[in-house]
């Protein structure tokens, strides 16, 4: 397998670097996702699967709307 050219990595913006993206997802999971899960459980969602499914759907709708707005 051919190694990627180091010059290509230099051109990646800081916000798009793999370590930055991984850190953002880590913060999302450890802070915001847990807070949202606890709020849904207090609102009556008792099944972990339904909580996770709902949160995943919210995330997908958000990403789709952000993508759609960028296309306009």
N, C-alpha and C. Protein backbone atom coordinates (compact mmCIF):
# COMPACT_ATOMS: atom_id res chain seq x y z
N UNK A 1 0.84 -1.18 0.00
CA UNK A 1 0.00 0.00 0.00
C UNK A 1 0.89 1.24 0.00
N UNK A 2 0.52 2.18 -0.81
CA UNK A 2 1.31 3.41 -0.94
C UNK A 2 1.05 4.33 0.25
N UNK A 3 2.10 4.90 0.77
CA UNK A 3 1.98 5.83 1.90
C UNK A 3 1.49 7.18 1.40
N UNK A 4 0.63 7.84 2.20
CA UNK A 4 0.16 9.16 1.77
C UNK A 4 1.29 10.18 1.79
N UNK A 5 1.22 11.09 0.90
CA UNK A 5 2.21 12.15 0.82
C UNK A 5 2.04 13.08 2.02
N UNK A 6 3.12 13.36 2.73
CA UNK A 6 3.07 14.21 3.92
C UNK A 6 2.58 15.61 3.58
N UNK A 7 2.82 16.06 2.37
CA UNK A 7 2.35 17.39 1.98
C UNK A 7 0.84 17.48 1.97
N UNK A 8 0.17 16.37 1.68
CA UNK A 8 -1.29 16.38 1.70
C UNK A 8 -1.82 16.61 3.11
N UNK A 9 -1.17 16.02 4.09
CA UNK A 9 -1.59 16.20 5.48
C UNK A 9 -1.37 17.64 5.95
N UNK A 10 -0.35 18.30 5.42
CA UNK A 10 -0.08 19.68 5.82
C UNK A 10 -1.18 20.62 5.37
N UNK A 11 -1.89 20.28 4.31
CA UNK A 11 -2.92 21.15 3.76
C UNK A 11 -4.27 21.00 4.45
N UNK A 12 -4.41 20.03 5.33
CA UNK A 12 -5.68 19.84 6.03
C UNK A 12 -5.82 20.93 7.08
N UNK A 13 -6.97 21.59 7.08
CA UNK A 13 -7.22 22.62 8.08
C UNK A 13 -7.25 21.98 9.46
N UNK A 14 -6.91 22.76 10.47
CA UNK A 14 -6.85 22.25 11.84
C UNK A 14 -8.17 21.61 12.27
N UNK A 15 -9.29 22.22 11.92
CA UNK A 15 -10.59 21.69 12.37
C UNK A 15 -10.94 20.36 11.70
N UNK A 16 -10.26 20.02 10.62
CA UNK A 16 -10.55 18.78 9.89
C UNK A 16 -9.53 17.67 10.17
N UNK A 17 -8.54 17.95 10.96
CA UNK A 17 -7.53 16.93 11.25
C UNK A 17 -8.16 15.79 12.06
N UNK A 18 -7.74 14.57 11.83
CA UNK A 18 -8.33 13.42 12.52
C UNK A 18 -8.33 13.54 14.04
N UNK A 19 -7.27 14.06 14.62
CA UNK A 19 -7.24 14.18 16.08
C UNK A 19 -8.25 15.20 16.58
N UNK A 20 -8.46 16.27 15.83
CA UNK A 20 -9.45 17.29 16.22
C UNK A 20 -10.86 16.72 16.14
N UNK A 21 -11.14 15.99 15.08
CA UNK A 21 -12.46 15.37 14.92
C UNK A 21 -12.70 14.35 16.02
N UNK A 22 -11.71 13.53 16.32
CA UNK A 22 -11.85 12.53 17.38
C UNK A 22 -12.10 13.20 18.72
N UNK A 23 -11.41 14.29 19.00
CA UNK A 23 -11.60 15.02 20.26
C UNK A 23 -13.02 15.58 20.34
N UNK A 24 -13.54 16.11 19.23
CA UNK A 24 -14.89 16.66 19.22
C UNK A 24 -15.92 15.57 19.51
N UNK A 25 -15.76 14.40 18.89
CA UNK A 25 -16.69 13.31 19.14
C UNK A 25 -16.56 12.79 20.57
N UNK A 26 -15.37 12.81 21.11
CA UNK A 26 -15.17 12.40 22.50
C UNK A 26 -15.92 13.33 23.44
N UNK A 27 -15.82 14.63 23.19
CA UNK A 27 -16.55 15.60 24.01
C UNK A 27 -18.05 15.44 23.85
N UNK A 28 -18.49 15.20 22.63
CA UNK A 28 -19.92 15.00 22.38
C UNK A 28 -20.44 13.83 23.18
N UNK A 29 -19.73 12.70 23.14
CA UNK A 29 -20.17 11.50 23.85
C UNK A 29 -20.11 11.68 25.35
N UNK A 30 -19.03 12.26 25.84
CA UNK A 30 -18.84 12.32 27.28
C UNK A 30 -19.66 13.41 27.95
N UNK A 31 -20.08 14.42 27.23
CA UNK A 31 -20.79 15.52 27.86
C UNK A 31 -22.22 15.64 27.34
N UNK A 32 -22.36 16.07 26.11
CA UNK A 32 -23.67 16.40 25.57
C UNK A 32 -24.56 15.17 25.39
N UNK A 33 -24.00 14.08 24.89
CA UNK A 33 -24.79 12.88 24.65
C UNK A 33 -25.33 12.32 25.96
N UNK A 34 -24.49 12.28 26.99
CA UNK A 34 -24.92 11.76 28.29
C UNK A 34 -25.99 12.66 28.90
N UNK A 35 -25.82 13.98 28.79
CA UNK A 35 -26.83 14.90 29.31
C UNK A 35 -28.16 14.71 28.60
N UNK A 36 -28.13 14.56 27.29
CA UNK A 36 -29.36 14.35 26.52
C UNK A 36 -30.01 13.02 26.89
N UNK A 37 -29.20 11.98 27.06
CA UNK A 37 -29.72 10.66 27.45
C UNK A 37 -30.40 10.73 28.81
N UNK A 38 -29.79 11.41 29.76
CA UNK A 38 -30.39 11.53 31.09
C UNK A 38 -31.69 12.33 31.04
N UNK A 39 -31.73 13.39 30.23
CA UNK A 39 -32.95 14.18 30.10
C UNK A 39 -34.08 13.35 29.48
N UNK A 40 -33.76 12.54 28.49
CA UNK A 40 -34.78 11.68 27.88
C UNK A 40 -35.27 10.63 28.85
N UNK A 41 -34.38 10.08 29.65
CA UNK A 41 -34.79 9.10 30.65
C UNK A 41 -35.73 9.73 31.67
N UNK A 42 -35.45 10.96 32.06
CA UNK A 42 -36.34 11.67 32.99
C UNK A 42 -37.69 11.97 32.35
N UNK A 43 -37.72 12.12 31.02
CA UNK A 43 -38.95 12.42 30.30
C UNK A 43 -39.78 11.17 30.01
N UNK A 44 -39.26 10.00 30.38
CA UNK A 44 -40.06 8.80 30.22
C UNK A 44 -39.49 7.74 29.30
N UNK A 45 -38.40 8.01 28.63
CA UNK A 45 -37.75 6.98 27.81
C UNK A 45 -37.01 6.04 28.76
N UNK A 46 -37.49 4.82 28.88
CA UNK A 46 -36.87 3.90 29.84
C UNK A 46 -35.94 2.88 29.17
N UNK A 47 -36.15 2.64 27.90
CA UNK A 47 -35.36 1.65 27.18
C UNK A 47 -34.13 2.31 26.57
N UNK A 48 -32.94 1.79 26.87
CA UNK A 48 -31.70 2.35 26.33
C UNK A 48 -31.68 2.37 24.81
N UNK A 49 -32.24 1.34 24.20
CA UNK A 49 -32.24 1.26 22.73
C UNK A 49 -33.07 2.40 22.14
N UNK A 50 -34.24 2.68 22.72
CA UNK A 50 -35.08 3.76 22.19
C UNK A 50 -34.43 5.12 22.41
N UNK A 51 -33.73 5.30 23.52
CA UNK A 51 -33.02 6.55 23.77
C UNK A 51 -31.93 6.74 22.73
N UNK A 52 -31.12 5.73 22.51
CA UNK A 52 -30.03 5.83 21.55
C UNK A 52 -30.55 6.01 20.13
N UNK A 53 -31.63 5.33 19.79
CA UNK A 53 -32.21 5.46 18.45
C UNK A 53 -32.71 6.90 18.24
N UNK A 54 -33.40 7.45 19.25
CA UNK A 54 -33.90 8.82 19.15
C UNK A 54 -32.76 9.81 19.00
N UNK A 55 -31.72 9.68 19.81
CA UNK A 55 -30.58 10.60 19.74
C UNK A 55 -29.85 10.48 18.40
N UNK A 56 -29.74 9.26 17.88
CA UNK A 56 -29.10 9.07 16.58
C UNK A 56 -29.92 9.73 15.48
N UNK A 57 -31.25 9.63 15.56
CA UNK A 57 -32.12 10.26 14.57
C UNK A 57 -32.00 11.78 14.64
N UNK A 58 -31.94 12.33 15.85
CA UNK A 58 -31.77 13.78 16.00
C UNK A 58 -30.46 14.22 15.36
N UNK A 59 -29.40 13.47 15.60
CA UNK A 59 -28.10 13.80 15.03
C UNK A 59 -28.13 13.72 13.50
N UNK A 60 -28.79 12.71 12.95
CA UNK A 60 -28.87 12.58 11.49
C UNK A 60 -29.68 13.72 10.87
N UNK A 61 -30.78 14.10 11.52
CA UNK A 61 -31.59 15.21 11.00
C UNK A 61 -30.80 16.51 11.05
N UNK A 62 -30.07 16.72 12.13
CA UNK A 62 -29.23 17.91 12.24
C UNK A 62 -28.19 17.96 11.12
N UNK A 63 -27.51 16.84 10.90
CA UNK A 63 -26.47 16.81 9.87
C UNK A 63 -27.06 17.00 8.48
N UNK A 64 -28.23 16.41 8.22
CA UNK A 64 -28.88 16.57 6.92
C UNK A 64 -29.29 18.01 6.70
N UNK A 65 -29.83 18.66 7.74
CA UNK A 65 -30.25 20.05 7.59
C UNK A 65 -29.04 20.96 7.40
N UNK A 66 -27.96 20.71 8.11
CA UNK A 66 -26.74 21.51 7.94
C UNK A 66 -26.19 21.33 6.53
N UNK A 67 -26.20 20.12 6.04
CA UNK A 67 -25.72 19.85 4.68
C UNK A 67 -26.61 20.55 3.66
N UNK A 68 -27.93 20.48 3.86
CA UNK A 68 -28.87 21.10 2.94
C UNK A 68 -28.69 22.61 2.91
N UNK A 69 -28.50 23.22 4.07
CA UNK A 69 -28.30 24.67 4.12
C UNK A 69 -27.02 25.08 3.41
N UNK A 70 -26.00 24.27 3.49
CA UNK A 70 -24.74 24.60 2.81
C UNK A 70 -24.86 24.46 1.30
N UNK A 71 -25.80 23.66 0.84
CA UNK A 71 -25.99 23.45 -0.59
C UNK A 71 -26.80 24.58 -1.23
N UNK A 72 -27.55 25.32 -0.43
CA UNK A 72 -28.43 26.38 -0.97
C UNK A 72 -27.62 27.61 -1.31
